[in-house]
Amino acid sequence: MEGFQKQFLDLALTSKALLLGDFTLKSGIKSPYFFNIAPCLSNGARLHQLADCYAQAMVHFDLDQAMIFGPAYKGIPLVTALAMAFYQRYDRALDFAFNRKEKKD
């Protein structure tokens, strides 16, 4: 396991974004785990760690992108943080975009 993968797993467990147990998902399927990204987005330190893990994963898995996309709503802070982490770590500015769920008046 790579360092960023260990960091991600530790973050997911300590923030309680990853819960282990017996869960019934919205689809009705039973699962031994439940993942909710919201706890990782609830403060700057965790969001920075998460974005840094994603930036390292992009490079590790050779996901060379000109633009990244964050779907509303939770994806917006995540894509913003990822672009910043990618720049900080690799000195490369990624463009990013996001959508809105509601129609603009």
N, C-alpha and C. Protein backbone atom coordinates (compact mmCIF):
# COMPACT_ATOMS: atom_id res chain seq x y z
N MET A 1 0.85 -1.18 0.00
CA MET A 1 0.00 0.00 0.00
C MET A 1 0.89 1.24 0.00
N GLU A 2 0.56 2.18 -0.87
CA GLU A 2 1.32 3.43 -0.98
C GLU A 2 1.04 4.34 0.22
N GLY A 3 1.95 5.27 0.47
CA GLY A 3 1.81 6.20 1.59
C GLY A 3 0.53 7.00 1.56
N PHE A 4 0.16 7.51 0.38
CA PHE A 4 -1.07 8.31 0.29
C PHE A 4 -2.30 7.45 0.54
N GLN A 5 -2.24 6.16 0.21
CA GLN A 5 -3.37 5.26 0.47
C GLN A 5 -3.52 5.00 1.97
N LYS A 6 -2.39 4.84 2.66
CA LYS A 6 -2.43 4.67 4.11
C LYS A 6 -2.95 5.94 4.77
N GLN A 7 -2.49 7.10 4.28
CA GLN A 7 -2.95 8.38 4.82
C GLN A 7 -4.45 8.55 4.61
N PHE A 8 -4.95 8.16 3.44
CA PHE A 8 -6.38 8.26 3.15
C PHE A 8 -7.19 7.36 4.09
N LEU A 9 -6.75 6.13 4.25
CA LEU A 9 -7.47 5.19 5.11
C LEU A 9 -7.47 5.66 6.56
N ASP A 10 -6.34 6.16 7.04
CA ASP A 10 -6.26 6.69 8.40
C ASP A 10 -7.20 7.88 8.56
N LEU A 11 -7.21 8.78 7.59
CA LEU A 11 -8.11 9.94 7.63
C LEU A 11 -9.56 9.50 7.63
N ALA A 12 -9.91 8.56 6.78
CA ALA A 12 -11.30 8.09 6.69
C ALA A 12 -11.76 7.45 8.00
N LEU A 13 -10.88 6.70 8.64
CA LEU A 13 -11.24 6.05 9.91
C LEU A 13 -11.28 7.04 11.07
N THR A 14 -10.27 7.90 11.19
CA THR A 14 -10.23 8.81 12.34
C THR A 14 -11.31 9.89 12.26
N SER A 15 -11.69 10.28 11.05
CA SER A 15 -12.76 11.29 10.90
C SER A 15 -14.14 10.66 10.96
N LYS A 16 -14.19 9.34 10.98
CA LYS A 16 -15.44 8.58 10.98
C LYS A 16 -16.20 8.72 9.65
N ALA A 17 -15.45 9.02 8.58
CA ALA A 17 -16.05 9.00 7.25
C ALA A 17 -16.26 7.56 6.79
N LEU A 18 -15.40 6.65 7.26
CA LEU A 18 -15.53 5.24 6.95
C LEU A 18 -15.96 4.51 8.22
N LEU A 19 -17.14 3.92 8.15
CA LEU A 19 -17.68 3.17 9.28
C LEU A 19 -17.75 1.69 8.90
N LEU A 20 -17.34 0.85 9.82
CA LEU A 20 -17.39 -0.59 9.60
C LEU A 20 -18.50 -1.17 10.45
N GLY A 21 -19.24 -2.11 9.90
CA GLY A 21 -20.36 -2.70 10.63
C GLY A 21 -21.30 -3.40 9.67
N ASP A 22 -22.60 -3.32 9.97
CA ASP A 22 -23.63 -3.94 9.15
C ASP A 22 -24.58 -2.83 8.71
N PHE A 23 -24.58 -2.49 7.43
CA PHE A 23 -25.36 -1.38 6.93
C PHE A 23 -26.26 -1.83 5.79
N THR A 24 -27.45 -1.25 5.72
CA THR A 24 -28.32 -1.43 4.58
C THR A 24 -28.32 -0.12 3.81
N LEU A 25 -27.85 -0.15 2.58
CA LEU A 25 -27.73 1.04 1.76
C LEU A 25 -29.10 1.44 1.19
N LYS A 26 -29.20 2.65 0.64
CA LYS A 26 -30.45 3.12 0.05
C LYS A 26 -30.98 2.15 -0.99
N SER A 27 -30.08 1.48 -1.68
CA SER A 27 -30.46 0.51 -2.71
C SER A 27 -31.05 -0.76 -2.12
N GLY A 28 -30.93 -0.92 -0.79
CA GLY A 28 -31.39 -2.14 -0.14
C GLY A 28 -30.30 -3.18 0.00
N ILE A 29 -29.16 -2.95 -0.59
CA ILE A 29 -28.03 -3.89 -0.52
C ILE A 29 -27.38 -3.78 0.85
N LYS A 30 -27.01 -4.93 1.40
CA LYS A 30 -26.28 -4.97 2.67
C LYS A 30 -24.80 -4.74 2.40
N SER A 31 -24.15 -4.02 3.31
CA SER A 31 -22.73 -3.72 3.15
C SER A 31 -22.03 -3.78 4.50
N PRO A 32 -20.78 -4.27 4.52
CA PRO A 32 -20.01 -4.30 5.77
C PRO A 32 -19.36 -2.95 6.10
N TYR A 33 -19.56 -1.96 5.25
CA TYR A 33 -18.99 -0.64 5.50
C TYR A 33 -19.91 0.44 4.93
N PHE A 34 -19.74 1.65 5.44
CA PHE A 34 -20.46 2.81 4.95
C PHE A 34 -19.47 3.95 4.86
N PHE A 35 -19.43 4.62 3.72
CA PHE A 35 -18.51 5.74 3.52
C PHE A 35 -19.31 7.01 3.28
N ASN A 36 -19.03 8.02 4.10
CA ASN A 36 -19.68 9.33 3.98
C ASN A 36 -18.57 10.37 4.00
N ILE A 37 -18.35 11.05 2.89
CA ILE A 37 -17.24 11.99 2.76
C ILE A 37 -17.40 13.23 3.63
N ALA A 38 -18.64 13.55 4.05
CA ALA A 38 -18.91 14.81 4.76
C ALA A 38 -17.98 15.08 5.95
N PRO A 39 -17.68 14.09 6.80
CA PRO A 39 -16.78 14.39 7.92
C PRO A 39 -15.38 14.85 7.49
N CYS A 40 -14.94 14.42 6.31
CA CYS A 40 -13.63 14.86 5.82
C CYS A 40 -13.67 16.29 5.31
N LEU A 41 -14.85 16.80 5.03
CA LEU A 41 -14.98 18.15 4.48
C LEU A 41 -15.32 19.17 5.55
N SER A 42 -15.39 18.75 6.81
CA SER A 42 -15.92 19.63 7.85
C SER A 42 -14.88 20.54 8.50
N ASN A 43 -13.61 20.37 8.17
CA ASN A 43 -12.62 21.35 8.63
C ASN A 43 -11.44 21.40 7.65
N GLY A 44 -10.72 22.49 7.71
CA GLY A 44 -9.66 22.73 6.75
C GLY A 44 -8.54 21.72 6.78
N ALA A 45 -8.17 21.25 7.95
CA ALA A 45 -7.07 20.29 8.05
C ALA A 45 -7.41 18.97 7.37
N ARG A 46 -8.61 18.44 7.66
CA ARG A 46 -9.02 17.17 7.04
C ARG A 46 -9.21 17.33 5.53
N LEU A 47 -9.82 18.44 5.12
CA LEU A 47 -10.02 18.68 3.69
C LEU A 47 -8.68 18.76 2.97
N HIS A 48 -7.72 19.42 3.57
CA HIS A 48 -6.37 19.52 2.98
C HIS A 48 -5.73 18.13 2.85
N GLN A 49 -5.84 17.32 3.90
CA GLN A 49 -5.27 15.97 3.85
C GLN A 49 -5.93 15.13 2.76
N LEU A 50 -7.26 15.22 2.67
CA LEU A 50 -7.99 14.46 1.66
C LEU A 50 -7.57 14.89 0.26
N ALA A 51 -7.52 16.20 0.03
CA ALA A 51 -7.15 16.71 -1.28
C ALA A 51 -5.72 16.31 -1.64
N ASP A 52 -4.82 16.32 -0.66
CA ASP A 52 -3.45 15.92 -0.92
C ASP A 52 -3.37 14.44 -1.30
N CYS A 53 -4.17 13.61 -0.64
CA CYS A 53 -4.22 12.18 -1.01
C CYS A 53 -4.70 12.03 -2.45
N TYR A 54 -5.74 12.76 -2.82
CA TYR A 54 -6.26 12.68 -4.18
C TYR A 54 -5.23 13.18 -5.20
N ALA A 55 -4.52 14.25 -4.87
CA ALA A 55 -3.50 14.77 -5.79
C ALA A 55 -2.41 13.71 -6.02
N GLN A 56 -1.97 13.07 -4.95
CA GLN A 56 -0.95 12.02 -5.08
C GLN A 56 -1.48 10.84 -5.87
N ALA A 57 -2.76 10.50 -5.68
CA ALA A 57 -3.37 9.39 -6.42
C ALA A 57 -3.42 9.71 -7.92
N MET A 58 -3.74 10.96 -8.25
CA MET A 58 -3.79 11.35 -9.67
C MET A 58 -2.44 11.11 -10.34
N VAL A 59 -1.37 11.47 -9.67
CA VAL A 59 -0.03 11.29 -10.24
C VAL A 59 0.34 9.81 -10.24
N HIS A 60 0.09 9.13 -9.13
CA HIS A 60 0.44 7.71 -9.02
C HIS A 60 -0.24 6.87 -10.11
N PHE A 61 -1.50 7.13 -10.36
CA PHE A 61 -2.26 6.36 -11.35
C PHE A 61 -2.23 7.01 -12.74
N ASP A 62 -1.36 8.00 -12.91
CA ASP A 62 -1.16 8.67 -14.20
C ASP A 62 -2.47 9.22 -14.78
N LEU A 63 -3.22 9.91 -13.94
CA LEU A 63 -4.47 10.53 -14.36
C LEU A 63 -4.21 11.98 -14.72
N ASP A 64 -3.50 12.17 -15.82
CA ASP A 64 -3.11 13.51 -16.26
C ASP A 64 -4.34 14.21 -16.81
N GLN A 65 -4.78 15.24 -16.11
CA GLN A 65 -6.01 15.94 -16.48
C GLN A 65 -5.73 17.41 -16.73
N ALA A 66 -6.41 17.96 -17.71
CA ALA A 66 -6.34 19.40 -17.94
C ALA A 66 -7.35 20.11 -17.06
N MET A 67 -8.45 19.41 -16.72
CA MET A 67 -9.50 20.00 -15.90
C MET A 67 -10.10 18.92 -15.02
N ILE A 68 -10.50 19.32 -13.81
CA ILE A 68 -11.18 18.40 -12.90
C ILE A 68 -12.57 18.98 -12.60
N PHE A 69 -13.51 18.11 -12.26
CA PHE A 69 -14.90 18.51 -12.08
C PHE A 69 -15.39 18.06 -10.71
N GLY A 70 -16.10 18.96 -10.02
CA GLY A 70 -16.68 18.65 -8.72
C GLY A 70 -18.18 18.84 -8.76
N PRO A 71 -18.95 17.76 -8.73
CA PRO A 71 -20.41 17.89 -8.77
C PRO A 71 -20.96 18.52 -7.49
N ALA A 72 -22.00 19.33 -7.65
CA ALA A 72 -22.66 19.95 -6.49
C ALA A 72 -23.22 18.85 -5.59
N TYR A 73 -23.18 19.00 -4.36
CA TYR A 73 -22.67 20.10 -3.56
C TYR A 73 -21.31 19.76 -2.94
N LYS A 74 -21.15 18.57 -2.46
CA LYS A 74 -19.91 18.22 -1.76
C LYS A 74 -18.69 18.24 -2.67
N GLY A 75 -18.89 18.09 -3.95
CA GLY A 75 -17.78 18.08 -4.88
C GLY A 75 -17.15 19.45 -5.09
N ILE A 76 -17.90 20.51 -4.78
CA ILE A 76 -17.38 21.86 -5.01
C ILE A 76 -16.19 22.17 -4.09
N PRO A 77 -16.32 22.01 -2.77
CA PRO A 77 -15.12 22.27 -1.94
C PRO A 77 -14.01 21.26 -2.21
N LEU A 78 -14.39 20.04 -2.56
CA LEU A 78 -13.39 19.01 -2.80
C LEU A 78 -12.56 19.32 -4.05
N VAL A 79 -13.20 19.70 -5.14
CA VAL A 79 -12.46 20.00 -6.36
C VAL A 79 -11.61 21.26 -6.18
N THR A 80 -12.11 22.22 -5.43
CA THR A 80 -11.35 23.43 -5.15
C THR A 80 -10.09 23.10 -4.35
N ALA A 81 -10.26 22.31 -3.30
CA ALA A 81 -9.12 21.91 -2.47
C ALA A 81 -8.14 21.05 -3.25
N LEU A 82 -8.64 20.18 -4.11
CA LEU A 82 -7.77 19.32 -4.91
C LEU A 82 -6.92 20.15 -5.86
N ALA A 83 -7.52 21.14 -6.50
CA ALA A 83 -6.74 22.01 -7.39
C ALA A 83 -5.64 22.72 -6.62
N MET A 84 -5.96 23.18 -5.41
CA MET A 84 -4.96 23.88 -4.59
C MET A 84 -3.86 22.92 -4.13
N ALA A 85 -4.24 21.72 -3.69
CA ALA A 85 -3.25 20.74 -3.23
C ALA A 85 -2.35 20.31 -4.38
N PHE A 86 -2.93 20.14 -5.56
CA PHE A 86 -2.15 19.72 -6.72
C PHE A 86 -1.10 20.79 -7.06
N TYR A 87 -1.52 22.04 -6.99
CA TYR A 87 -0.58 23.13 -7.26
C TYR A 87 0.52 23.18 -6.19
N GLN A 88 0.11 23.04 -4.93
CA GLN A 88 1.08 23.11 -3.84
C GLN A 88 2.10 21.98 -3.94
N ARG A 89 1.65 20.78 -4.24
CA ARG A 89 2.54 19.62 -4.27
C ARG A 89 3.34 19.51 -5.56
N TYR A 90 2.70 19.82 -6.71
CA TYR A 90 3.34 19.56 -8.01
C TYR A 90 3.60 20.82 -8.84
N ASP A 91 3.29 21.99 -8.29
CA ASP A 91 3.52 23.26 -8.98
C ASP A 91 2.86 23.28 -10.36
N ARG A 92 1.67 22.73 -10.42
CA ARG A 92 0.91 22.70 -11.68
C ARG A 92 -0.52 23.13 -11.41
N ALA A 93 -0.97 24.11 -12.13
CA ALA A 93 -2.32 24.64 -11.94
C ALA A 93 -3.32 23.85 -12.78
N LEU A 94 -4.26 23.19 -12.11
CA LEU A 94 -5.34 22.48 -12.80
C LEU A 94 -6.57 23.38 -12.84
N ASP A 95 -7.21 23.46 -13.99
CA ASP A 95 -8.49 24.15 -14.05
C ASP A 95 -9.53 23.26 -13.41
N PHE A 96 -10.56 23.88 -12.85
CA PHE A 96 -11.65 23.08 -12.30
C PHE A 96 -12.98 23.73 -12.61
N ALA A 97 -14.03 22.90 -12.58
CA ALA A 97 -15.39 23.36 -12.85
C ALA A 97 -16.33 22.62 -11.92
N PHE A 98 -17.51 23.17 -11.76
CA PHE A 98 -18.55 22.50 -10.98
C PHE A 98 -19.90 22.91 -11.54
N ASN A 99 -20.91 22.15 -11.20
CA ASN A 99 -22.26 22.43 -11.66
C ASN A 99 -23.10 22.98 -10.53
N ARG A 100 -24.32 23.32 -10.84
CA ARG A 100 -25.29 23.70 -9.83
C ARG A 100 -26.49 22.77 -9.99
N LYS A 101 -27.12 22.45 -8.89
CA LYS A 101 -28.29 21.57 -8.97
C LYS A 101 -29.55 22.31 -9.37
N GLU A 102 -29.65 23.55 -8.93
CA GLU A 102 -30.85 24.33 -9.21
C GLU A 102 -30.66 25.17 -10.47
N LYS A 103 -31.75 25.37 -11.16
CA LYS A 103 -31.74 26.23 -12.34
C LYS A 103 -31.52 27.67 -11.90
N LYS A 104 -30.68 28.39 -12.62
CA LYS A 104 -30.41 29.79 -12.29
C LYS A 104 -31.60 30.66 -12.68
N ASP A 105 -32.00 31.54 -11.76
CA ASP A 105 -33.13 32.45 -12.04
C ASP A 105 -32.71 33.56 -12.96
